[in-house]
Amino acid sequence: SSGINAEYGTGATDHAESTDLRFRYRKLFFQTKEKRSELVRPESTGLLETLEEMNQLFSRVKNPREAVYDSNVLKLTSELGLEQADNLQTNMTVFDRNIFSEKLV
């Protein structure tokens, strides 16, 4: 046996690739946590940039452990997206049927 798995390549190459990928996911996770207050501002595009970086990293995922790192960053990004949506303010007024009906009378 040459030590090459048809699905995963060589063990040494895979280990180095996997180590690098996990490092990048951890770095992205902690950077995202550190920039939380900036990322949840309504005008911020940081979450989109984080998702784009995640997509690039995910294309290299080959092992379940790496997929767990991806899901952790995705969960954090989703939570921040919800928080960002909560921070959005609109100029729409709330329709109150009682006030509307009073104005009709």
PDB file of N, CA and C in Angstrom:
ATOM      1  N   SER A   1       0.838  -1.176   0.000  1.00  0.00           N
ATOM      2  CA  SER A   1       0.000   0.000   0.000  1.00  0.00           C
ATOM      3  C   SER A   1       0.882   1.238   0.000  1.00  0.00           C
ATOM      4  N   SER A   2       0.532   2.216  -0.799  1.00  0.00           N
ATOM      5  CA  SER A   2       1.333   3.430  -0.919  1.00  0.00           C
ATOM      6  C   SER A   2       0.960   4.479   0.114  1.00  0.00           C
ATOM      7  N   GLY A   3      -0.035   4.205   0.933  1.00  0.00           N
ATOM      8  CA  GLY A   3      -0.465   5.169   1.935  1.00  0.00           C
ATOM      9  C   GLY A   3      -1.393   6.227   1.375  1.00  0.00           C
ATOM     10  N   ILE A   4      -1.850   6.015   0.144  1.00  0.00           N
ATOM     11  CA  ILE A   4      -2.750   6.982  -0.476  1.00  0.00           C
ATOM     12  C   ILE A   4      -4.155   6.423  -0.457  1.00  0.00           C
ATOM     13  N   ASN A   5      -5.055   7.173   0.096  1.00  0.00           N
ATOM     14  CA  ASN A   5      -6.466   6.825   0.093  1.00  0.00           C
ATOM     15  C   ASN A   5      -7.075   7.571  -1.087  1.00  0.00           C
ATOM     16  N   ALA A   6      -7.749   6.848  -1.959  1.00  0.00           N
ATOM     17  CA  ALA A   6      -8.291   7.459  -3.171  1.00  0.00           C
ATOM     18  C   ALA A   6      -9.219   8.628  -2.858  1.00  0.00           C
ATOM     19  N   GLU A   7      -9.912   8.566  -1.732  1.00  0.00           N
ATOM     20  CA  GLU A   7     -10.859   9.625  -1.400  1.00  0.00           C
ATOM     21  C   GLU A   7     -10.184  10.818  -0.736  1.00  0.00           C
ATOM     22  N   TYR A   8      -9.161  10.583   0.060  1.00  0.00           N
ATOM     23  CA  TYR A   8      -8.580  11.645   0.859  1.00  0.00           C
ATOM     24  C   TYR A   8      -7.147  12.032   0.508  1.00  0.00           C
ATOM     25  N   GLY A   9      -6.461  11.314  -0.332  1.00  0.00           N
ATOM     26  CA  GLY A   9      -5.085  11.645  -0.685  1.00  0.00           C
ATOM     27  C   GLY A   9      -4.120  11.074   0.329  1.00  0.00           C
ATOM     28  N   THR A  10      -2.937  11.665   0.429  1.00  0.00           N
ATOM     29  CA  THR A  10      -1.937  11.145   1.358  1.00  0.00           C
ATOM     30  C   THR A  10      -2.244  11.601   2.768  1.00  0.00           C
ATOM     31  N   GLY A  11      -1.847  10.782   3.726  1.00  0.00           N
ATOM     32  CA  GLY A  11      -2.097  11.095   5.124  1.00  0.00           C
ATOM     33  C   GLY A  11      -1.414  12.365   5.570  1.00  0.00           C
ATOM     34  N   ALA A  12      -0.136  12.546   5.201  1.00  0.00           N
ATOM     35  CA  ALA A  12       0.611  13.728   5.628  1.00  0.00           C
ATOM     36  C   ALA A  12       0.020  15.005   5.041  1.00  0.00           C
ATOM     37  N   THR A  13      -0.317  14.951   3.771  1.00  0.00           N
ATOM     38  CA  THR A  13      -0.907  16.122   3.120  1.00  0.00           C
ATOM     39  C   THR A  13      -2.254  16.452   3.740  1.00  0.00           C
ATOM     40  N   ASP A  14      -3.061  15.424   3.958  1.00  0.00           N
ATOM     41  CA  ASP A  14      -4.373  15.639   4.556  1.00  0.00           C
ATOM     42  C   ASP A  14      -4.268  16.209   5.960  1.00  0.00           C
ATOM     43  N   HIS A  15      -3.307  15.711   6.724  1.00  0.00           N
ATOM     44  CA  HIS A  15      -3.154  16.201   8.096  1.00  0.00           C
ATOM     45  C   HIS A  15      -2.781  17.678   8.097  1.00  0.00           C
ATOM     46  N   ALA A  16      -1.853  18.076   7.256  1.00  0.00           N
ATOM     47  CA  ALA A  16      -1.440  19.480   7.178  1.00  0.00           C
ATOM     48  C   ALA A  16      -2.603  20.354   6.698  1.00  0.00           C
ATOM     49  N   GLU A  17      -3.315  19.884   5.699  1.00  0.00           N
ATOM     50  CA  GLU A  17      -4.472  20.620   5.171  1.00  0.00           C
ATOM     51  C   GLU A  17      -5.551  20.758   6.246  1.00  0.00           C
ATOM     52  N   SER A  18      -5.818  19.671   6.940  1.00  0.00           N
ATOM     53  CA  SER A  18      -6.831  19.671   7.991  1.00  0.00           C
ATOM     54  C   SER A  18      -6.435  20.601   9.133  1.00  0.00           C
ATOM     55  N   THR A  19      -5.185  20.575   9.524  1.00  0.00           N
ATOM     56  CA  THR A  19      -4.692  21.443  10.594  1.00  0.00           C
ATOM     57  C   THR A  19      -4.831  22.910  10.194  1.00  0.00           C
ATOM     58  N   ASP A  20      -4.445  23.231   8.961  1.00  0.00           N
ATOM     59  CA  ASP A  20      -4.559  24.596   8.470  1.00  0.00           C
ATOM     60  C   ASP A  20      -6.021  25.031   8.428  1.00  0.00           C
ATOM     61  N   LEU A  21      -6.895  24.168   7.962  1.00  0.00           N
ATOM     62  CA  LEU A  21      -8.311  24.491   7.859  1.00  0.00           C
ATOM     63  C   LEU A  21      -8.925  24.741   9.234  1.00  0.00           C
ATOM     64  N   ARG A  22      -8.612  23.891  10.203  1.00  0.00           N
ATOM     65  CA  ARG A  22      -9.132  24.090  11.559  1.00  0.00           C
ATOM     66  C   ARG A  22      -8.607  25.395  12.155  1.00  0.00           C
ATOM     67  N   PHE A  23      -7.334  25.695  11.901  1.00  0.00           N
ATOM     68  CA  PHE A  23      -6.759  26.960  12.368  1.00  0.00           C
ATOM     69  C   PHE A  23      -7.519  28.137  11.786  1.00  0.00           C
ATOM     70  N   ARG A  24      -7.801  28.096  10.481  1.00  0.00           N
ATOM     71  CA  ARG A  24      -8.506  29.200   9.823  1.00  0.00           C
ATOM     72  C   ARG A  24      -9.931  29.353  10.366  1.00  0.00           C
ATOM     73  N   TYR A  25     -10.603  28.224  10.626  1.00  0.00           N
ATOM     74  CA  TYR A  25     -11.948  28.290  11.201  1.00  0.00           C
ATOM     75  C   TYR A  25     -11.917  28.886  12.609  1.00  0.00           C
ATOM     76  N   ARG A  26     -10.952  28.464  13.425  1.00  0.00           N
ATOM     77  CA  ARG A  26     -10.848  29.028  14.785  1.00  0.00           C
ATOM     78  C   ARG A  26     -10.584  30.525  14.727  1.00  0.00           C
ATOM     79  N   LYS A  27      -9.686  30.925  13.835  1.00  0.00           N
ATOM     80  CA  LYS A  27      -9.361  32.341  13.680  1.00  0.00           C
ATOM     81  C   LYS A  27     -10.603  33.129  13.257  1.00  0.00           C
ATOM     82  N   LEU A  28     -11.342  32.607  12.290  1.00  0.00           N
ATOM     83  CA  LEU A  28     -12.554  33.276  11.821  1.00  0.00           C
ATOM     84  C   LEU A  28     -13.594  33.359  12.940  1.00  0.00           C
ATOM     85  N   PHE A  29     -13.735  32.292  13.718  1.00  0.00           N
ATOM     86  CA  PHE A  29     -14.691  32.263  14.819  1.00  0.00           C
ATOM     87  C   PHE A  29     -14.359  33.347  15.844  1.00  0.00           C
ATOM     88  N   PHE A  30     -13.110  33.424  16.269  1.00  0.00           N
ATOM     89  CA  PHE A  30     -12.732  34.392  17.291  1.00  0.00           C
ATOM     90  C   PHE A  30     -12.747  35.827  16.757  1.00  0.00           C
ATOM     91  N   GLN A  31     -12.375  36.023  15.503  1.00  0.00           N
ATOM     92  CA  GLN A  31     -12.456  37.361  14.908  1.00  0.00           C
ATOM     93  C   GLN A  31     -13.915  37.822  14.850  1.00  0.00           C
ATOM     94  N   THR A  32     -14.793  36.905  14.504  1.00  0.00           N
ATOM     95  CA  THR A  32     -16.214  37.230  14.416  1.00  0.00           C
ATOM     96  C   THR A  32     -16.758  37.596  15.798  1.00  0.00           C
ATOM     97  N   LYS A  33     -16.368  36.833  16.817  1.00  0.00           N
ATOM     98  CA  LYS A  33     -16.803  37.155  18.181  1.00  0.00           C
ATOM     99  C   LYS A  33     -16.269  38.504  18.631  1.00  0.00           C
ATOM    100  N   GLU A  34     -15.011  38.782  18.315  1.00  0.00           N
ATOM    101  CA  GLU A  34     -14.398  40.048  18.728  1.00  0.00           C
ATOM    102  C   GLU A  34     -15.066  41.255  18.064  1.00  0.00           C
ATOM    103  N   LYS A  35     -15.520  41.090  16.827  1.00  0.00           N
ATOM    104  CA  LYS A  35     -16.120  42.197  16.076  1.00  0.00           C
ATOM    105  C   LYS A  35     -17.639  42.226  16.202  1.00  0.00           C
ATOM    106  N   ARG A  36     -18.175  41.520  17.174  1.00  0.00           N
ATOM    107  CA  ARG A  36     -19.619  41.378  17.323  1.00  0.00           C
ATOM    108  C   ARG A  36     -20.361  42.720  17.237  1.00  0.00           C
ATOM    109  N   SER A  37     -19.946  43.698  18.039  1.00  0.00           N
ATOM    110  CA  SER A  37     -20.675  44.970  18.076  1.00  0.00           C
ATOM    111  C   SER A  37     -20.642  45.680  16.721  1.00  0.00           C
ATOM    112  N   GLU A  38     -19.557  45.530  15.995  1.00  0.00           N
ATOM    113  CA  GLU A  38     -19.455  46.128  14.664  1.00  0.00           C
ATOM    114  C   GLU A  38     -20.331  45.368  13.659  1.00  0.00           C
ATOM    115  N   LEU A  39     -20.338  44.044  13.742  1.00  0.00           N
ATOM    116  CA  LEU A  39     -21.055  43.215  12.771  1.00  0.00           C
ATOM    117  C   LEU A  39     -22.567  43.317  12.878  1.00  0.00           C
ATOM    118  N   VAL A  40     -23.089  43.647  14.048  1.00  0.00           N
ATOM    119  CA  VAL A  40     -24.545  43.689  14.215  1.00  0.00           C
ATOM    120  C   VAL A  40     -25.143  45.049  13.892  1.00  0.00           C
ATOM    121  N   ARG A  41     -24.289  46.015  13.545  1.00  0.00           N
ATOM    122  CA  ARG A  41     -24.828  47.309  13.116  1.00  0.00           C
ATOM    123  C   ARG A  41     -25.558  47.121  11.793  1.00  0.00           C
ATOM    124  N   PRO A  42     -26.697  47.774  11.632  1.00  0.00           N
ATOM    125  CA  PRO A  42     -27.504  47.593  10.422  1.00  0.00           C
ATOM    126  C   PRO A  42     -26.764  47.857   9.112  1.00  0.00           C
ATOM    127  N   GLU A  43     -25.831  48.812   9.113  1.00  0.00           N
ATOM    128  CA  GLU A  43     -25.135  49.162   7.870  1.00  0.00           C
ATOM    129  C   GLU A  43     -23.920  48.273   7.581  1.00  0.00           C
ATOM    130  N   SER A  44     -23.596  47.387   8.488  1.00  0.00           N
ATOM    131  CA  SER A  44     -22.410  46.542   8.335  1.00  0.00           C
ATOM    132  C   SER A  44     -22.618  45.443   7.290  1.00  0.00           C
ATOM    133  N   THR A  45     -21.577  45.212   6.495  1.00  0.00           N
ATOM    134  CA  THR A  45     -21.593  44.098   5.537  1.00  0.00           C
ATOM    135  C   THR A  45     -20.633  42.997   5.991  1.00  0.00           C
ATOM    136  N   GLY A  46     -20.162  43.105   7.224  1.00  0.00           N
ATOM    137  CA  GLY A  46     -19.193  42.152   7.750  1.00  0.00           C
ATOM    138  C   GLY A  46     -19.689  40.724   7.806  1.00  0.00           C
ATOM    139  N   LEU A  47     -20.975  40.530   8.096  1.00  0.00           N
ATOM    140  CA  LEU A  47     -21.503  39.167   8.152  1.00  0.00           C
ATOM    141  C   LEU A  47     -21.476  38.521   6.771  1.00  0.00           C
ATOM    142  N   LEU A  48     -21.767  39.296   5.758  1.00  0.00           N
ATOM    143  CA  LEU A  48     -21.705  38.776   4.386  1.00  0.00           C
ATOM    144  C   LEU A  48     -20.273  38.369   4.045  1.00  0.00           C
ATOM    145  N   GLU A  49     -19.315  39.190   4.442  1.00  0.00           N
ATOM    146  CA  GLU A  49     -17.911  38.868   4.192  1.00  0.00           C
ATOM    147  C   GLU A  49     -17.505  37.599   4.951  1.00  0.00           C
ATOM    148  N   THR A  50     -18.007  37.451   6.167  1.00  0.00           N
ATOM    149  CA  THR A  50     -17.724  36.249   6.948  1.00  0.00           C
ATOM    150  C   THR A  50     -18.308  35.018   6.259  1.00  0.00           C
ATOM    151  N   LEU A  51     -19.525  35.121   5.764  1.00  0.00           N
ATOM    152  CA  LEU A  51     -20.150  33.995   5.064  1.00  0.00           C
ATOM    153  C   LEU A  51     -19.393  33.639   3.788  1.00  0.00           C
ATOM    154  N   GLU A  52     -18.897  34.647   3.086  1.00  0.00           N
ATOM    155  CA  GLU A  52     -18.122  34.382   1.871  1.00  0.00           C
ATOM    156  C   GLU A  52     -16.829  33.647   2.208  1.00  0.00           C
ATOM    157  N   GLU A  53     -16.178  34.053   3.292  1.00  0.00           N
ATOM    158  CA  GLU A  53     -14.962  33.363   3.715  1.00  0.00           C
ATOM    159  C   GLU A  53     -15.279  31.934   4.150  1.00  0.00           C
ATOM    160  N   MET A  54     -16.410  31.766   4.836  1.00  0.00           N
ATOM    161  CA  MET A  54     -16.821  30.425   5.245  1.00  0.00           C
ATOM    162  C   MET A  54     -17.048  29.526   4.036  1.00  0.00           C
ATOM    163  N   ASN A  55     -17.657  30.055   2.987  1.00  0.00           N
ATOM    164  CA  ASN A  55     -17.888  29.274   1.774  1.00  0.00           C
ATOM    165  C   ASN A  55     -16.574  28.808   1.162  1.00  0.00           C
ATOM    166  N   GLN A  56     -15.581  29.691   1.163  1.00  0.00           N
ATOM    167  CA  GLN A  56     -14.273  29.305   0.633  1.00  0.00           C
ATOM    168  C   GLN A  56     -13.649  28.201   1.480  1.00  0.00           C
ATOM    169  N   LEU A  57     -13.747  28.343   2.791  1.00  0.00           N
ATOM    170  CA  LEU A  57     -13.192  27.323   3.679  1.00  0.00           C
ATOM    171  C   LEU A  57     -13.945  26.008   3.531  1.00  0.00           C
ATOM    172  N   PHE A  58     -15.275  26.087   3.432  1.00  0.00           N
ATOM    173  CA  PHE A  58     -16.078  24.872   3.378  1.00  0.00           C
ATOM    174  C   PHE A  58     -15.762  24.035   2.137  1.00  0.00           C
ATOM    175  N   SER A  59     -15.348  24.678   1.075  1.00  0.00           N
ATOM    176  CA  SER A  59     -15.006  23.927  -0.137  1.00  0.00           C
ATOM    177  C   SER A  59     -13.820  22.992   0.102  1.00  0.00           C
ATOM    178  N   ARG A  60     -13.074  23.214   1.179  1.00  0.00           N
ATOM    179  CA  ARG A  60     -11.917  22.380   1.510  1.00  0.00           C
ATOM    180  C   ARG A  60     -12.225  21.333   2.589  1.00  0.00           C
ATOM    181  N   VAL A  61     -13.423  21.372   3.168  1.00  0.00           N
ATOM    182  CA  VAL A  61     -13.782  20.447   4.248  1.00  0.00           C
ATOM    183  C   VAL A  61     -13.852  19.017   3.727  1.00  0.00           C
ATOM    184  N   LYS A  62     -13.158  18.113   4.432  1.00  0.00           N
ATOM    185  CA  LYS A  62     -13.151  16.701   4.048  1.00  0.00           C
ATOM    186  C   LYS A  62     -13.502  15.785   5.217  1.00  0.00           C
ATOM    187  N   ASN A  63     -13.418  16.309   6.430  1.00  0.00           N
ATOM    188  CA  ASN A  63     -13.602  15.477   7.612  1.00  0.00           C
ATOM    189  C   ASN A  63     -14.685  16.048   8.515  1.00  0.00           C
ATOM    190  N   PRO A  64     -15.326  15.176   9.296  1.00  0.00           N
ATOM    191  CA  PRO A  64     -16.382  15.636  10.204  1.00  0.00           C
ATOM    192  C   PRO A  64     -15.908  16.703  11.193  1.00  0.00           C
ATOM    193  N   ARG A  65     -14.696  16.593  11.676  1.00  0.00           N
ATOM    194  CA  ARG A  65     -14.184  17.572  12.639  1.00  0.00           C
ATOM    195  C   ARG A  65     -14.165  18.970  12.024  1.00  0.00           C
ATOM    196  N   GLU A  66     -13.769  19.052  10.772  1.00  0.00           N
ATOM    197  CA  GLU A  66     -13.743  20.340  10.082  1.00  0.00           C
ATOM    198  C   GLU A  66     -15.161  20.869   9.883  1.00  0.00           C
ATOM    199  N   ALA A  67     -16.088  19.964   9.603  1.00  0.00           N
ATOM    200  CA  ALA A  67     -17.482  20.367   9.423  1.00  0.00           C
ATOM    201  C   ALA A  67     -18.061  20.921  10.726  1.00  0.00           C
ATOM    202  N   VAL A  68     -17.600  20.400  11.863  1.00  0.00           N
ATOM    203  CA  VAL A  68     -18.052  20.916  13.159  1.00  0.00           C
ATOM    204  C   VAL A  68     -17.582  22.351  13.334  1.00  0.00           C
ATOM    205  N   TYR A  69     -16.336  22.626  12.963  1.00  0.00           N
ATOM    206  CA  TYR A  69     -15.836  24.001  13.037  1.00  0.00           C
ATOM    207  C   TYR A  69     -16.690  24.920  12.158  1.00  0.00           C
ATOM    208  N   ASP A  70     -17.022  24.450  10.964  1.00  0.00           N
ATOM    209  CA  ASP A  70     -17.849  25.229  10.056  1.00  0.00           C
ATOM    210  C   ASP A  70     -19.206  25.515  10.690  1.00  0.00           C
ATOM    211  N   SER A  71     -19.811  24.498  11.289  1.00  0.00           N
ATOM    212  CA  SER A  71     -21.137  24.691  11.883  1.00  0.00           C
ATOM    213  C   SER A  71     -21.080  25.643  13.071  1.00  0.00           C
ATOM    214  N   ASN A  72     -19.979  25.637  13.822  1.00  0.00           N
ATOM    215  CA  ASN A  72     -19.849  26.578  14.938  1.00  0.00           C
ATOM    216  C   ASN A  72     -19.799  28.022  14.448  1.00  0.00           C
ATOM    217  N   VAL A  73     -19.050  28.265  13.388  1.00  0.00           N
ATOM    218  CA  VAL A  73     -18.969  29.618  12.837  1.00  0.00           C
ATOM    219  C   VAL A  73     -20.315  30.002  12.215  1.00  0.00           C
ATOM    220  N   LEU A  74     -20.961  29.055  11.558  1.00  0.00           N
ATOM    221  CA  LEU A  74     -22.265  29.327  10.956  1.00  0.00           C
ATOM    222  C   LEU A  74     -23.299  29.667  12.027  1.00  0.00           C
ATOM    223  N   LYS A  75     -23.280  28.959  13.129  1.00  0.00           N
ATOM    224  CA  LYS A  75     -24.211  29.231  14.227  1.00  0.00           C
ATOM    225  C   LYS A  75     -23.982  30.637  14.776  1.00  0.00           C
ATOM    226  N   LEU A  76     -22.733  30.984  15.016  1.00  0.00           N
ATOM    227  CA  LEU A  76     -22.413  32.321  15.514  1.00  0.00           C
ATOM    228  C   LEU A  76     -22.858  33.383  14.516  1.00  0.00           C
ATOM    229  N   THR A  77     -22.583  33.168  13.254  1.00  0.00           N
ATOM    230  CA  THR A  77     -22.955  34.128  12.217  1.00  0.00           C
ATOM    231  C   THR A  77     -24.466  34.276  12.134  1.00  0.00           C
ATOM    232  N   SER A  78     -25.185  33.173  12.287  1.00  0.00           N
ATOM    233  CA  SER A  78     -26.652  33.221  12.270  1.00  0.00           C
ATOM    234  C   SER A  78     -27.189  34.020  13.451  1.00  0.00           C
ATOM    235  N   GLU A  79     -26.612  33.803  14.617  1.00  0.00           N
ATOM    236  CA  GLU A  79     -27.031  34.562  15.805  1.00  0.00           C
ATOM    237  C   GLU A  79     -26.785  36.056  15.614  1.00  0.00           C
ATOM    238  N   LEU A  80     -25.633  36.382  15.035  1.00  0.00           N
ATOM    239  CA  LEU A  80     -25.324  37.787  14.796  1.00  0.00           C
ATOM    240  C   LEU A  80     -26.237  38.378  13.725  1.00  0.00           C
ATOM    241  N   GLY A  81     -26.599  37.580  12.739  1.00  0.00           N
ATOM    242  CA  GLY A  81     -27.533  38.035  11.704  1.00  0.00           C
ATOM    243  C   GLY A  81     -28.893  38.361  12.298  1.00  0.00           C
ATOM    244  N   LEU A  82     -29.333  37.534  13.230  1.00  0.00           N
ATOM    245  CA  LEU A  82     -30.603  37.793  13.911  1.00  0.00           C
ATOM    246  C   LEU A  82     -30.511  39.079  14.726  1.00  0.00           C
ATOM    247  N   GLU A  83     -29.403  39.247  15.418  1.00  0.00           N
ATOM    248  CA  GLU A  83     -29.197  40.464  16.207  1.00  0.00           C
ATOM    249  C   GLU A  83     -29.146  41.690  15.306  1.00  0.00           C
ATOM    250  N   GLN A  84     -28.498  41.546  14.145  1.00  0.00           N
ATOM    251  CA  GLN A  84     -28.429  42.661  13.194  1.00  0.00           C
ATOM    252  C   GLN A  84     -29.833  42.999  12.692  1.00  0.00           C
ATOM    253  N   ALA A  85     -30.632  41.993  12.397  1.00  0.00           N
ATOM    254  CA  ALA A  85     -31.997  42.226  11.931  1.00  0.00           C
ATOM    255  C   ALA A  85     -32.824  42.923  13.009  1.00  0.00           C
ATOM    256  N   ASP A  86     -32.615  42.554  14.263  1.00  0.00           N
ATOM    257  CA  ASP A  86     -33.318  43.213  15.366  1.00  0.00           C
ATOM    258  C   ASP A  86     -32.925  44.676  15.477  1.00  0.00           C
ATOM    259  N   ASN A  87     -31.708  45.007  15.067  1.00  0.00           N
ATOM    260  CA  ASN A  87     -31.223  46.386  15.147  1.00  0.00           C
ATOM    261  C   ASN A  87     -31.709  47.271  14.002  1.00  0.00           C
ATOM    262  N   LEU A  88     -32.296  46.661  13.001  1.00  0.00           N
ATOM    263  CA  LEU A  88     -32.791  47.449  11.872  1.00  0.00           C
ATOM    264  C   LEU A  88     -33.972  48.297  12.317  1.00  0.00           C
ATOM    265  N   GLN A  89     -33.983  49.520  11.894  1.00  0.00           N
ATOM    266  CA  GLN A  89     -35.110  50.393  12.171  1.00  0.00           C
ATOM    267  C   GLN A  89     -35.706  50.800  10.841  1.00  0.00           C
ATOM    268  N   THR A  90     -37.004  50.795  10.803  1.00  0.00           N
ATOM    269  CA  THR A  90     -37.678  51.207   9.571  1.00  0.00           C
ATOM    270  C   THR A  90     -38.476  52.465   9.834  1.00  0.00           C
ATOM    271  N   ASN A  91     -38.843  53.117   8.784  1.00  0.00           N
ATOM    272  CA  ASN A  91     -39.673  54.317   8.900  1.00  0.00           C
ATOM    273  C   ASN A  91     -41.149  53.978   8.776  1.00  0.00           C
ATOM    274  N   MET A  92     -41.454  52.714   8.774  1.00  0.00           N
ATOM    275  CA  MET A  92     -42.851  52.299   8.660  1.00  0.00           C
ATOM    276  C   MET A  92     -43.555  52.555   9.980  1.00  0.00           C
ATOM    277  N   THR A  93     -44.784  53.014   9.894  1.00  0.00           N
ATOM    278  CA  THR A  93     -45.574  53.193  11.098  1.00  0.00           C
ATOM    279  C   THR A  93     -46.411  51.946  11.316  1.00  0.00           C
ATOM    280  N   VAL A  94     -46.718  51.714  12.552  1.00  0.00           N
ATOM    281  CA  VAL A  94     -47.516  50.551  12.894  1.00  0.00           C
ATOM    282  C   VAL A  94     -48.989  50.897  12.674  1.00  0.00           C
ATOM    283  N   PHE A  95     -49.689  50.003  12.050  1.00  0.00           N
ATOM    284  CA  PHE A  95     -51.116  50.223  11.803  1.00  0.00           C
ATOM    285  C   PHE A  95     -51.890  49.860  13.053  1.00  0.00           C
ATOM    286  N   ASP A  96     -52.573  50.841  13.598  1.00  0.00           N
ATOM    287  CA  ASP A  96     -53.424  50.627  14.768  1.00  0.00           C
ATOM    288  C   ASP A  96     -54.860  50.818  14.318  1.00  0.00           C
ATOM    289  N   ARG A  97     -55.628  49.763  14.295  1.00  0.00           N
ATOM    290  CA  ARG A  97     -56.993  49.845  13.760  1.00  0.00           C
ATOM    291  C   ARG A  97     -57.885  50.735  14.612  1.00  0.00           C
ATOM    292  N   ASN A  98     -57.629  50.838  15.905  1.00  0.00           N
ATOM    293  CA  ASN A  98     -58.435  51.713  16.761  1.00  0.00           C
ATOM    294  C   ASN A  98     -58.232  53.171  16.390  1.00  0.00           C
ATOM    295  N   ILE A  99     -57.004  53.573  16.199  1.00  0.00           N
ATOM    296  CA  ILE A  99     -56.723  54.952  15.795  1.00  0.00           C
ATOM    297  C   ILE A  99     -57.305  55.221  14.415  1.00  0.00           C
ATOM    298  N   PHE A 100     -57.177  54.259  13.531  1.00  0.00           N
ATOM    299  CA  PHE A 100     -57.721  54.409  12.180  1.00  0.00           C
ATOM    300  C   PHE A 100     -59.230  54.599  12.224  1.00  0.00           C
ATOM    301  N   SER A 101     -59.902  53.767  13.018  1.00  0.00           N
ATOM    302  CA  SER A 101     -61.360  53.863  13.091  1.00  0.00           C
ATOM    303  C   SER A 101     -61.799  55.155  13.758  1.00  0.00           C
ATOM    304  N   GLU A 102     -61.044  55.675  14.716  1.00  0.00           N
ATOM    305  CA  GLU A 102     -61.376  56.945  15.365  1.00  0.00           C
ATOM    306  C   GLU A 102     -61.293  58.101  14.363  1.00  0.00           C
ATOM    307  N   LYS A 103     -60.307  58.018  13.469  1.00  0.00           N
ATOM    308  CA  LYS A 103     -60.139  59.069  12.483  1.00  0.00           C
ATOM    309  C   LYS A 103     -61.242  59.035  11.428  1.00  0.00           C
ATOM    310  N   LEU A 104     -61.844  57.888  11.232  1.00  0.00           N
ATOM    311  CA  LEU A 104     -62.921  57.765  10.264  1.00  0.00           C
ATOM    312  C   LEU A 104     -64.224  58.381  10.801  1.00  0.00           C
ATOM    313  N   VAL A 105     -64.385  58.357  12.077  1.00  0.00           N
ATOM    314  CA  VAL A 105     -65.629  58.820  12.683  1.00  0.00           C
ATOM    315  C   VAL A 105     -65.665  60.285  12.840  1.00  0.00           C
TER     316      VAL A 105
END
